[in-house]
């Protein structure tokens, strides 16, 4: 299963909230507005091939030992929630 990212950038613009709420180590700058410093103006990740674990749905599911399909569903729900903020 492949996570169907719509490339809207909502999750990348809210990464500060996630990092703070879950006290996650994040290797890139989080801008004052809460967005990832690696988010381009085109809503693309400048370091996609080297993105952190939290930004890789498949690998993060494996790390958390959560069923990949179930985790994709949770991420889709989170994605829809972020779009309403």
N, C-alpha and C. Protein backbone atom coordinates (compact mmCIF):
# COMPACT_ATOMS: atom_id res chain seq x y z
N UNK A 1 0.85 -1.18 0.00
CA UNK A 1 0.00 0.00 0.00
C UNK A 1 0.89 1.24 0.00
N UNK A 2 0.51 2.23 -0.77
CA UNK A 2 1.25 3.48 -0.85
C UNK A 2 0.39 4.59 -0.27
N UNK A 3 0.98 5.39 0.62
CA UNK A 3 0.26 6.52 1.19
C UNK A 3 0.05 7.56 0.09
N UNK A 4 -1.18 7.96 -0.13
CA UNK A 4 -1.52 8.89 -1.21
C UNK A 4 -1.43 10.34 -0.73
N UNK A 5 -0.22 10.85 -0.69
CA UNK A 5 0.01 12.24 -0.31
C UNK A 5 -0.48 13.16 -1.42
N UNK A 6 -1.23 14.19 -1.03
CA UNK A 6 -1.75 15.14 -2.00
C UNK A 6 -0.83 16.34 -2.21
N UNK A 7 0.28 16.34 -1.49
CA UNK A 7 1.29 17.41 -1.58
C UNK A 7 0.72 18.80 -1.29
N UNK A 8 -0.17 18.84 -0.31
CA UNK A 8 -0.77 20.13 0.07
C UNK A 8 0.14 20.90 1.03
N UNK A 9 1.04 20.20 1.71
CA UNK A 9 1.97 20.84 2.63
C UNK A 9 1.42 21.08 4.02
N UNK A 10 0.17 20.68 4.28
CA UNK A 10 -0.44 20.94 5.60
C UNK A 10 0.36 20.33 6.74
N UNK A 11 0.79 19.09 6.58
CA UNK A 11 1.54 18.45 7.66
C UNK A 11 2.88 19.13 7.87
N UNK A 12 3.51 19.56 6.80
CA UNK A 12 4.80 20.23 6.89
C UNK A 12 4.68 21.63 7.49
N UNK A 13 3.52 22.24 7.30
CA UNK A 13 3.30 23.57 7.88
C UNK A 13 2.90 23.48 9.36
N UNK A 14 2.61 22.27 9.84
CA UNK A 14 2.21 22.07 11.24
C UNK A 14 3.22 21.23 12.02
N UNK A 15 4.38 20.99 11.46
CA UNK A 15 5.35 20.07 12.09
C UNK A 15 5.76 20.55 13.49
N UNK A 16 5.79 21.84 13.70
CA UNK A 16 6.14 22.37 15.02
C UNK A 16 5.20 21.87 16.10
N UNK A 17 3.91 21.80 15.78
CA UNK A 17 2.91 21.30 16.72
C UNK A 17 3.19 19.84 17.07
N UNK A 18 3.48 19.05 16.05
CA UNK A 18 3.73 17.62 16.25
C UNK A 18 5.00 17.40 17.06
N UNK A 19 6.06 18.11 16.71
CA UNK A 19 7.34 17.98 17.42
C UNK A 19 7.17 18.34 18.89
N UNK A 20 6.45 19.43 19.14
CA UNK A 20 6.24 19.88 20.52
C UNK A 20 5.32 18.93 21.29
N UNK A 21 4.21 18.54 20.68
CA UNK A 21 3.23 17.70 21.37
C UNK A 21 3.79 16.33 21.74
N UNK A 22 4.61 15.77 20.86
CA UNK A 22 5.12 14.42 21.09
C UNK A 22 6.59 14.40 21.48
N UNK A 23 7.18 15.58 21.69
CA UNK A 23 8.57 15.73 22.10
C UNK A 23 9.50 14.87 21.23
N UNK A 24 9.38 15.09 19.94
CA UNK A 24 10.15 14.33 18.95
C UNK A 24 11.39 15.11 18.55
N UNK A 25 12.51 14.41 18.47
CA UNK A 25 13.71 15.04 17.92
C UNK A 25 13.50 15.26 16.44
N UNK A 26 13.71 16.47 15.99
CA UNK A 26 13.51 16.82 14.59
C UNK A 26 14.78 17.49 14.08
N UNK A 27 15.40 16.94 13.05
CA UNK A 27 16.73 17.41 12.65
C UNK A 27 16.77 18.71 11.87
N UNK A 28 15.62 19.24 11.50
CA UNK A 28 15.62 20.45 10.68
C UNK A 28 14.98 21.61 11.43
N UNK A 29 15.23 22.80 10.94
CA UNK A 29 14.67 24.00 11.54
C UNK A 29 13.15 23.97 11.48
N UNK A 30 12.54 24.36 12.59
CA UNK A 30 11.10 24.59 12.60
C UNK A 30 10.95 26.11 12.66
N UNK A 31 10.33 26.65 11.63
CA UNK A 31 10.18 28.11 11.54
C UNK A 31 9.24 28.63 12.63
N UNK A 32 9.27 29.94 12.84
CA UNK A 32 8.43 30.57 13.86
C UNK A 32 6.94 30.26 13.68
N UNK A 33 6.52 30.09 12.43
CA UNK A 33 5.10 29.80 12.17
C UNK A 33 4.76 28.32 12.34
N UNK A 34 5.75 27.50 12.74
CA UNK A 34 5.53 26.08 12.97
C UNK A 34 5.79 25.20 11.77
N UNK A 35 6.16 25.79 10.65
CA UNK A 35 6.40 25.01 9.44
C UNK A 35 7.84 24.49 9.40
N UNK A 36 8.03 23.44 8.64
CA UNK A 36 9.34 22.84 8.48
C UNK A 36 10.20 23.73 7.58
N UNK A 37 11.43 23.94 7.98
CA UNK A 37 12.36 24.73 7.20
C UNK A 37 12.73 24.10 5.87
N UNK A 38 12.39 22.84 5.68
CA UNK A 38 12.71 22.14 4.44
C UNK A 38 11.53 22.11 3.46
N UNK A 39 10.44 22.79 3.81
CA UNK A 39 9.29 22.86 2.91
C UNK A 39 9.51 23.96 1.89
N UNK A 40 9.44 23.59 0.62
CA UNK A 40 9.65 24.58 -0.45
C UNK A 40 8.36 25.36 -0.70
N UNK A 41 8.48 26.42 -1.47
CA UNK A 41 7.31 27.22 -1.83
C UNK A 41 6.31 26.43 -2.66
N UNK A 42 6.77 25.34 -3.27
CA UNK A 42 5.91 24.48 -4.08
C UNK A 42 5.29 23.35 -3.26
N UNK A 43 5.39 23.43 -1.93
CA UNK A 43 4.88 22.41 -1.00
C UNK A 43 5.60 21.07 -1.18
N UNK A 44 6.85 21.10 -1.56
CA UNK A 44 7.64 19.89 -1.70
C UNK A 44 8.76 19.90 -0.68
N UNK A 45 9.15 18.70 -0.26
CA UNK A 45 10.22 18.55 0.71
C UNK A 45 11.57 18.68 0.01
N UNK A 46 12.40 19.57 0.50
CA UNK A 46 13.73 19.78 -0.09
C UNK A 46 14.68 18.63 0.21
N UNK A 47 14.35 17.82 1.20
CA UNK A 47 15.23 16.71 1.61
C UNK A 47 14.46 15.39 1.60
N UNK A 48 13.55 15.24 0.65
CA UNK A 48 12.65 14.09 0.63
C UNK A 48 13.38 12.75 0.77
N UNK A 49 14.46 12.56 0.05
CA UNK A 49 15.19 11.29 0.10
C UNK A 49 15.88 11.06 1.44
N UNK A 50 16.04 12.10 2.23
CA UNK A 50 16.67 12.00 3.55
C UNK A 50 15.76 12.53 4.65
N UNK A 51 14.46 12.45 4.41
CA UNK A 51 13.51 13.00 5.38
C UNK A 51 13.55 12.20 6.69
N UNK A 52 13.20 12.87 7.79
CA UNK A 52 13.21 12.19 9.09
C UNK A 52 12.16 11.07 9.15
N UNK A 53 12.35 10.19 10.08
CA UNK A 53 11.47 9.04 10.26
C UNK A 53 10.01 9.46 10.39
N UNK A 54 9.74 10.50 11.14
CA UNK A 54 8.35 10.94 11.35
C UNK A 54 7.68 11.37 10.05
N UNK A 55 8.47 11.71 9.05
CA UNK A 55 7.94 12.16 7.77
C UNK A 55 7.81 11.03 6.75
N UNK A 56 8.16 9.84 7.16
CA UNK A 56 8.09 8.68 6.26
C UNK A 56 7.06 7.71 6.82
N UNK A 57 5.86 7.74 6.26
CA UNK A 57 4.74 6.98 6.81
C UNK A 57 5.05 5.49 6.89
N UNK A 58 5.59 4.92 5.85
CA UNK A 58 5.88 3.48 5.83
C UNK A 58 6.91 3.10 6.89
N UNK A 59 8.02 3.81 6.93
CA UNK A 59 9.07 3.49 7.89
C UNK A 59 8.65 3.79 9.33
N UNK A 60 7.85 4.84 9.52
CA UNK A 60 7.41 5.18 10.87
C UNK A 60 6.45 4.12 11.40
N UNK A 61 5.60 3.58 10.53
CA UNK A 61 4.70 2.49 10.93
C UNK A 61 5.51 1.29 11.39
N UNK A 62 6.54 0.97 10.63
CA UNK A 62 7.41 -0.16 10.98
C UNK A 62 8.11 0.10 12.32
N UNK A 63 8.61 1.32 12.50
CA UNK A 63 9.29 1.69 13.74
C UNK A 63 8.35 1.56 14.95
N UNK A 64 7.09 1.98 14.77
CA UNK A 64 6.11 1.92 15.85
C UNK A 64 5.49 0.54 16.02
N UNK A 65 5.82 -0.37 15.08
CA UNK A 65 5.27 -1.73 15.09
C UNK A 65 3.74 -1.70 14.98
N UNK A 66 3.27 -0.85 14.06
CA UNK A 66 1.85 -0.72 13.77
C UNK A 66 1.62 -1.24 12.36
N UNK A 67 0.50 -1.93 12.17
CA UNK A 67 0.15 -2.41 10.85
C UNK A 67 0.17 -1.24 9.87
N UNK A 68 0.88 -1.43 8.76
CA UNK A 68 1.08 -0.37 7.78
C UNK A 68 -0.24 0.20 7.26
N UNK A 69 -1.17 -0.66 6.91
CA UNK A 69 -2.46 -0.20 6.37
C UNK A 69 -3.23 0.60 7.42
N UNK A 70 -3.22 0.11 8.66
CA UNK A 70 -3.90 0.82 9.75
C UNK A 70 -3.27 2.19 9.98
N UNK A 71 -1.94 2.25 9.92
CA UNK A 71 -1.24 3.51 10.13
C UNK A 71 -1.53 4.49 8.99
N UNK A 72 -1.66 3.99 7.77
CA UNK A 72 -2.00 4.84 6.64
C UNK A 72 -3.38 5.46 6.87
N UNK A 73 -4.31 4.69 7.36
CA UNK A 73 -5.65 5.20 7.64
C UNK A 73 -5.59 6.28 8.70
N UNK A 74 -4.83 6.05 9.77
CA UNK A 74 -4.67 7.06 10.82
C UNK A 74 -4.04 8.33 10.26
N UNK A 75 -3.06 8.18 9.39
CA UNK A 75 -2.41 9.34 8.79
C UNK A 75 -3.37 10.11 7.89
N UNK A 76 -4.19 9.40 7.15
CA UNK A 76 -5.18 10.06 6.29
C UNK A 76 -6.16 10.86 7.14
N UNK A 77 -6.59 10.30 8.26
CA UNK A 77 -7.49 11.01 9.16
C UNK A 77 -6.80 12.26 9.72
N UNK A 78 -5.53 12.11 10.11
CA UNK A 78 -4.76 13.25 10.61
C UNK A 78 -4.58 14.31 9.53
N UNK A 79 -4.36 13.86 8.33
CA UNK A 79 -4.20 14.76 7.19
C UNK A 79 -5.47 15.59 7.00
N UNK A 80 -6.61 14.93 7.02
CA UNK A 80 -7.89 15.64 6.85
C UNK A 80 -8.12 16.64 7.98
N UNK A 81 -7.72 16.27 9.20
CA UNK A 81 -7.86 17.17 10.34
C UNK A 81 -6.99 18.42 10.15
N UNK A 82 -5.74 18.21 9.70
CA UNK A 82 -4.84 19.34 9.50
C UNK A 82 -5.37 20.32 8.45
N UNK A 83 -6.07 19.80 7.48
CA UNK A 83 -6.61 20.65 6.42
C UNK A 83 -7.70 21.57 6.93
N UNK A 84 -8.29 21.26 8.09
CA UNK A 84 -9.36 22.09 8.64
C UNK A 84 -8.81 23.18 9.57
N UNK A 85 -7.53 23.10 9.90
CA UNK A 85 -6.95 24.11 10.81
C UNK A 85 -6.69 25.43 10.12
